[in-house]
Amino acid sequence: MKHAYKLFVYPIGFRISFVLLFVLSCTKISYSSNYGNISSEKAIRFHPVIDKLIKSGADSSFVFSLIASNSTSFSDKYVKINVTGYLTPANYSQFYNEQSVNKSKDFINKYLKTLSEAELKYNVPKEVISSILWIETRHGNYLGTHHIPSVYLSTALASQKEFIEMNIAEMDAKFKGKASERQKLVEKIKSRAEKKSAWALAELLALEKMKKMNIAIVSIYGSWAGAFGISQFLPSSYIKWAVDGNNDGIIDLFNFEDAIHSVANYLNSNGWGNTEEKRRAAVFHYNNSKDYVDAVLKLAELSKI
């Protein structure tokens, strides 16, 4: 979607100041020269997100420093996959084959002390912790290459009309069903667009809390779904359930001890118990997929030494 004021050719410095003044006037906050590092393209693209974040209580300096980062950029691939990705269900059967079982046993032996400590403290079996870390990142070998702030800033735009239309067009290109079925999918996409946009905004607010904990959030990379670390936590999950497993005063989910204890704390805090129903519910809270739950518990059972 083109904006009329982009058609005028002004010196770059003037354009940046004009756009930022426009954005800041809309959000009713004071202009600061510290925001002059944001390109006019970024300011225009992320204007709806800037507006919503500040109205939600985010500090303006956090918002603009996040967007001004050279690592931050917009990509419509996050708008697409986070809204319509559910149309292609993940296959988890690969995660409990012979190789997965052997890798999990090796991991349990290598980190037996830490896993046993976490099991004792949180009453979550070490095999379950290992299984989740294997399925999420192959025990830290696949951490993701997506810039986390960019994932959320981009996905937060999903409810904009142009991106709803984009996702409907993507769906239409593959759709082969009846008109009535198509309409249901259109409504589903619209609903998910609103839901995912709100979700992304909430995660951006959680990133602000992480920054206040002296975490360099602009340097965090992870999955296209916005998860990061060996345990693949969302920012909101980090705030609620990440713990300092090695007692060094830092909660670092790229550290195995912290990741192991954080997974155990997550499951314990979300209802892990002595019944199959409670255990399945706790793992489902980690990833709301029945196939995911099945894979975690099956791999855990096969990984017992």
Protein backbone atom coordinates (compact mmCIF):
# COMPACT_ATOMS: atom_id res chain seq x y z
CA MET A 1 0.00 0.00 0.00
CA LYS A 2 1.50 3.32 -1.06
CA HIS A 3 1.23 6.48 0.99
CA ALA A 4 0.69 9.80 -0.74
CA TYR A 5 3.39 11.59 1.18
CA LYS A 6 6.02 9.16 -0.08
CA LEU A 7 5.58 10.57 -3.58
CA PHE A 8 7.18 13.89 -2.65
CA VAL A 9 10.96 13.92 -2.92
CA TYR A 10 12.40 15.76 0.06
CA PRO A 11 15.92 15.53 1.52
CA ILE A 12 16.20 12.43 3.66
CA GLY A 13 16.70 14.34 6.91
CA PHE A 14 13.52 16.34 6.31
CA ARG A 15 11.54 13.21 5.49
CA ILE A 16 12.66 11.43 8.65
CA SER A 17 11.79 14.41 10.82
CA PHE A 18 8.43 14.88 9.08
CA VAL A 19 7.43 11.24 9.50
CA LEU A 20 8.54 11.05 13.09
CA LEU A 21 6.77 14.29 13.96
CA PHE A 22 3.65 12.88 12.34
CA VAL A 23 3.95 9.59 14.25
CA LEU A 24 4.70 11.26 17.52
CA SER A 25 1.86 13.72 17.16
CA CYS A 26 -0.54 10.84 16.57
CA THR A 27 0.64 9.08 19.73
CA LYS A 28 0.70 12.32 21.71
CA ILE A 29 4.25 12.07 23.01
CA SER A 30 7.13 14.47 22.88
CA TYR A 31 9.58 14.49 20.00
CA SER A 32 13.19 13.67 20.83
CA SER A 33 16.20 13.95 18.56
CA ASN A 34 17.21 10.49 19.77
CA TYR A 35 14.62 9.05 17.38
CA GLY A 36 16.22 10.56 14.32
CA ASN A 37 18.10 7.32 13.65
CA ILE A 38 14.92 5.64 12.42
CA SER A 39 14.63 5.55 8.65
CA SER A 40 11.54 7.08 7.09
CA GLU A 41 10.62 3.67 5.65
CA LYS A 42 10.69 2.03 9.09
CA ALA A 43 8.77 4.87 10.70
CA ILE A 44 6.01 4.61 8.11
CA ARG A 45 5.85 0.82 8.10
CA PHE A 46 5.79 0.41 11.88
CA HIS A 47 3.62 3.44 12.64
CA PRO A 48 0.55 1.33 13.61
CA VAL A 49 2.68 -0.73 16.00
CA ILE A 50 4.35 2.33 17.51
CA ASP A 51 0.94 3.84 18.14
CA LYS A 52 -0.50 0.71 19.79
CA LEU A 53 2.56 0.02 21.93
CA ILE A 54 2.70 3.51 23.38
CA LYS A 55 -1.05 3.54 23.99
CA SER A 56 -0.54 0.22 25.82
CA GLY A 57 1.94 1.86 28.17
CA ALA A 58 5.28 1.06 26.54
CA ASP A 59 8.00 3.63 27.09
CA SER A 60 8.56 5.63 23.91
CA SER A 61 12.36 5.44 24.21
CA PHE A 62 12.15 1.63 24.27
CA VAL A 63 9.85 1.54 21.25
CA PHE A 64 11.96 3.81 19.10
CA SER A 65 15.30 2.30 20.12
CA LEU A 66 13.92 -1.12 19.21
CA ILE A 67 12.83 0.03 15.77
CA ALA A 68 15.98 2.11 15.19
CA SER A 69 18.23 -0.93 15.65
CA ASN A 70 20.07 -1.93 12.48
CA SER A 71 19.03 -5.53 13.19
CA THR A 72 15.32 -4.69 13.09
CA SER A 73 13.46 -4.97 9.82
CA PHE A 74 10.01 -5.76 8.47
CA SER A 75 9.27 -9.04 6.70
CA ASP A 76 5.87 -10.16 5.51
CA LYS A 77 6.94 -13.80 5.88
CA TYR A 78 6.24 -13.48 9.62
CA VAL A 79 2.80 -12.04 8.89
CA LYS A 80 2.11 -14.99 6.62
CA ILE A 81 3.41 -17.92 8.64
CA ASN A 82 2.14 -16.77 12.03
CA VAL A 83 -1.38 -16.30 10.65
CA THR A 84 -1.72 -19.11 8.11
CA GLY A 85 0.98 -21.56 9.25
CA TYR A 86 -1.65 -23.66 11.03
CA LEU A 87 -2.89 -24.78 7.60
CA THR A 88 0.26 -26.95 7.33
CA PRO A 89 0.41 -29.10 10.51
CA ALA A 90 3.85 -30.04 11.83
CA ASN A 91 5.02 -33.66 11.66
CA TYR A 92 6.40 -34.74 15.05
CA SER A 93 6.84 -38.44 14.28
CA GLN A 94 10.51 -37.86 13.41
CA PHE A 95 11.22 -36.88 17.02
CA TYR A 96 10.86 -40.33 18.55
CA ASN A 97 12.77 -42.43 16.03
CA GLU A 98 15.87 -44.42 16.96
CA GLN A 99 18.24 -41.49 16.44
CA SER A 100 16.13 -39.23 18.66
CA VAL A 101 16.03 -41.82 21.41
CA ASN A 102 19.81 -42.31 21.30
CA LYS A 103 20.43 -38.55 21.32
CA SER A 104 18.15 -38.11 24.30
CA LYS A 105 19.89 -40.86 26.24
CA ASP A 106 23.26 -39.26 25.49
CA PHE A 107 21.97 -35.88 26.65
CA ILE A 108 20.57 -37.34 29.87
CA ASN A 109 23.93 -38.97 30.64
CA LYS A 110 25.84 -35.77 29.86
CA TYR A 111 23.63 -33.49 31.98
CA LEU A 112 22.52 -36.08 34.55
CA LYS A 113 23.47 -33.95 37.56
CA THR A 114 21.54 -30.88 36.40
CA LEU A 115 18.57 -32.90 35.16
CA SER A 116 18.38 -34.83 38.42
CA GLU A 117 18.48 -31.60 40.43
CA ALA A 118 15.67 -30.15 38.32
CA GLU A 119 13.65 -33.36 38.61
CA LEU A 120 13.98 -33.34 42.40
CA LYS A 121 13.09 -29.65 42.71
CA TYR A 122 10.17 -29.50 40.27
CA ASN A 123 8.97 -33.13 40.22
CA VAL A 124 9.29 -33.31 36.43
CA PRO A 125 11.10 -36.40 35.03
CA LYS A 126 14.48 -35.75 33.45
CA GLU A 127 13.39 -37.71 30.37
CA VAL A 128 10.54 -35.26 29.75
CA ILE A 129 12.84 -32.26 30.10
CA SER A 130 15.31 -33.83 27.68
CA SER A 131 12.52 -34.68 25.22
CA ILE A 132 11.25 -31.10 25.09
CA LEU A 133 14.75 -29.70 24.58
CA TRP A 134 15.34 -32.24 21.78
CA ILE A 135 12.11 -31.47 19.96
CA GLU A 136 12.51 -27.72 20.38
CA THR A 137 16.16 -27.24 19.36
CA ARG A 138 17.83 -30.68 19.04
CA HIS A 139 19.40 -30.01 22.43
CA GLY A 140 20.60 -26.57 21.42
CA ASN A 141 21.92 -27.37 17.96
CA TYR A 142 19.14 -25.52 16.09
CA LEU A 143 18.40 -22.27 17.86
CA GLY A 144 16.88 -20.33 14.96
CA THR A 145 18.16 -17.43 12.86
CA HIS A 146 15.18 -15.05 13.04
CA HIS A 147 15.56 -11.67 14.73
CA ILE A 148 13.03 -11.87 17.56
CA PRO A 149 12.02 -8.16 17.75
CA SER A 150 11.52 -8.15 13.96
CA VAL A 151 9.29 -11.23 14.21
CA TYR A 152 6.97 -9.50 16.66
CA LEU A 153 7.04 -6.05 15.07
CA SER A 154 6.14 -7.60 11.71
CA THR A 155 3.48 -9.95 13.09
CA ALA A 156 1.89 -7.08 15.02
CA LEU A 157 0.90 -5.65 11.63
CA ALA A 158 -1.11 -8.76 10.71
CA SER A 159 -4.44 -7.08 11.41
CA GLN A 160 -3.78 -4.30 8.90
CA LYS A 161 -6.09 -4.53 5.89
CA GLU A 162 -3.30 -4.96 3.35
CA PHE A 163 -1.92 -7.99 5.17
CA ILE A 164 -5.30 -9.60 5.74
CA GLU A 165 -5.85 -9.32 1.99
CA MET A 166 -2.36 -10.71 1.36
CA ASN A 167 -3.04 -13.79 3.49
CA ILE A 168 -6.43 -14.36 1.89
CA ALA A 169 -4.78 -14.19 -1.53
CA GLU A 170 -2.14 -16.70 -0.39
CA MET A 171 -4.88 -19.03 0.79
CA ASP A 172 -6.86 -18.63 -2.44
CA ALA A 173 -3.82 -19.61 -4.49
CA LYS A 174 -3.88 -23.05 -2.86
CA PHE A 175 -7.56 -23.49 -2.08
CA LYS A 176 -9.51 -26.11 -4.05
CA GLY A 177 -12.67 -26.51 -1.97
CA LYS A 178 -16.22 -25.18 -2.05
CA ALA A 179 -17.22 -21.53 -1.77
CA SER A 180 -18.76 -22.12 1.66
CA GLU A 181 -15.54 -23.71 2.89
CA ARG A 182 -13.53 -20.81 1.50
CA GLN A 183 -15.64 -18.30 3.40
CA LYS A 184 -14.99 -20.14 6.65
CA LEU A 185 -11.27 -19.96 5.98
CA VAL A 186 -11.49 -16.26 5.17
CA GLU A 187 -13.20 -15.62 8.51
CA LYS A 188 -10.62 -17.80 10.25
CA ILE A 189 -7.78 -15.80 8.71
CA LYS A 190 -9.38 -12.51 9.76
CA SER A 191 -9.86 -13.82 13.29
CA ARG A 192 -6.30 -15.16 13.51
CA ALA A 193 -4.93 -11.90 12.13
CA GLU A 194 -6.50 -9.96 15.00
CA LYS A 195 -5.44 -12.58 17.53
CA LYS A 196 -1.85 -12.79 16.30
CA SER A 197 -1.51 -9.03 16.10
CA ALA A 198 -2.61 -8.68 19.73
CA TRP A 199 -0.33 -11.57 20.72
CA ALA A 200 2.69 -9.95 19.06
CA LEU A 201 2.00 -6.63 20.81
CA ALA A 202 1.83 -8.42 24.16
CA GLU A 203 5.15 -10.16 23.46
CA LEU A 204 6.74 -6.81 22.54
CA LEU A 205 5.64 -5.48 25.92
CA ALA A 206 7.23 -8.56 27.50
CA LEU A 207 10.44 -7.73 25.62
CA GLU A 208 10.39 -4.33 27.29
CA LYS A 209 10.31 -6.05 30.67
CA MET A 210 13.23 -8.22 29.60
CA LYS A 211 15.19 -5.13 28.60
CA LYS A 212 14.63 -3.70 32.08
CA MET A 213 16.33 -6.88 33.33
CA ASN A 214 19.45 -5.79 31.39
CA ILE A 215 18.96 -8.27 28.55
CA ALA A 216 20.16 -7.16 25.10
CA ILE A 217 16.90 -7.96 23.35
CA VAL A 218 17.96 -6.55 19.96
CA SER A 219 20.59 -9.30 19.86
CA ILE A 220 18.19 -12.20 20.41
CA TYR A 221 17.60 -14.61 17.53
CA GLY A 222 15.29 -17.60 17.49
CA SER A 223 12.36 -19.12 15.62
CA TRP A 224 9.89 -17.56 13.18
CA ALA A 225 7.30 -18.00 15.93
CA GLY A 226 9.19 -15.67 18.26
CA ALA A 227 10.64 -18.32 20.58
CA PHE A 228 14.29 -18.28 21.64
CA GLY A 229 16.92 -20.14 23.62
CA ILE A 230 17.55 -23.85 24.04
CA SER A 231 14.09 -24.18 25.54
CA GLN A 232 12.41 -21.92 22.95
CA PHE A 233 10.51 -19.67 25.36
CA LEU A 234 8.43 -16.70 24.27
CA PRO A 235 9.30 -13.40 25.98
CA SER A 236 6.17 -13.69 28.13
CA SER A 237 7.19 -17.23 29.12
CA TYR A 238 10.65 -15.95 30.03
CA ILE A 239 9.13 -13.34 32.34
CA LYS A 240 6.85 -15.88 34.04
CA TRP A 241 8.80 -19.13 34.18
CA ALA A 242 12.49 -18.77 33.26
CA VAL A 243 14.77 -19.42 36.25
CA ASP A 244 18.44 -19.18 37.16
CA GLY A 245 19.44 -22.84 37.18
CA ASN A 246 23.13 -22.39 37.95
CA ASN A 247 22.71 -19.57 40.50
CA ASP A 248 25.03 -17.15 38.71
CA GLY A 249 22.56 -14.28 38.98
CA ILE A 250 21.66 -14.38 35.28
CA ILE A 251 18.74 -16.12 33.60
CA ASP A 252 20.18 -17.19 30.26
CA LEU A 253 18.10 -19.62 28.20
CA PHE A 254 21.09 -20.20 25.94
CA ASN A 255 22.74 -21.83 28.97
CA PHE A 256 21.90 -25.53 29.49
CA GLU A 257 21.50 -25.35 33.26
CA ASP A 258 19.11 -22.42 33.07
CA ALA A 259 17.22 -23.98 30.15
CA ILE A 260 16.82 -27.34 31.94
CA HIS A 261 15.53 -25.78 35.16
CA SER A 262 13.29 -23.38 33.24
CA VAL A 263 11.56 -26.19 31.33
CA ALA A 264 11.01 -28.07 34.59
CA ASN A 265 9.65 -24.94 36.30
CA TYR A 266 7.40 -24.23 33.31
CA LEU A 267 5.79 -27.68 33.41
CA ASN A 268 5.50 -27.71 37.19
CA SER A 269 3.92 -24.24 37.21
CA ASN A 270 1.41 -25.29 34.57
CA GLY A 271 0.05 -28.31 36.34
CA TRP A 272 2.43 -31.23 35.87
CA GLY A 273 1.22 -33.94 38.23
CA ASN A 274 0.85 -37.63 38.91
CA THR A 275 -1.92 -38.33 36.41
CA GLU A 276 -1.70 -38.75 32.67
CA GLU A 277 -4.28 -35.99 32.24
CA LYS A 278 -2.26 -33.46 34.23
CA ARG A 279 0.96 -34.33 32.45
CA ARG A 280 -0.59 -34.02 29.02
CA ALA A 281 -2.19 -30.70 29.97
CA ALA A 282 1.15 -29.30 31.17
CA VAL A 283 2.95 -30.27 27.95
CA PHE A 284 0.00 -29.02 25.88
CA HIS A 285 0.44 -25.64 27.57
CA TYR A 286 4.03 -25.63 26.29
CA ASN A 287 2.84 -26.29 22.74
CA ASN A 288 -0.88 -26.60 22.04
CA SER A 289 -0.59 -29.51 19.66
CA LYS A 290 -1.80 -33.02 20.49
CA ASP A 291 0.88 -34.47 18.21
CA TYR A 292 3.53 -32.46 20.07
CA VAL A 293 2.31 -33.81 23.41
CA ASP A 294 2.32 -37.35 22.06
CA ALA A 295 5.87 -36.94 20.73
CA VAL A 296 7.25 -35.53 24.01
CA LEU A 297 5.76 -38.24 26.18
CA LYS A 298 6.61 -41.07 23.77
CA LEU A 299 10.24 -39.94 23.44
CA ALA A 300 10.47 -39.57 27.22
CA GLU A 301 9.22 -43.13 27.73
CA LEU A 302 11.66 -44.56 25.16
CA SER A 303 14.57 -42.54 26.63
CA LYS A 304 14.45 -44.09 30.09
CA ILE A 305 17.81 -45.56 30.99
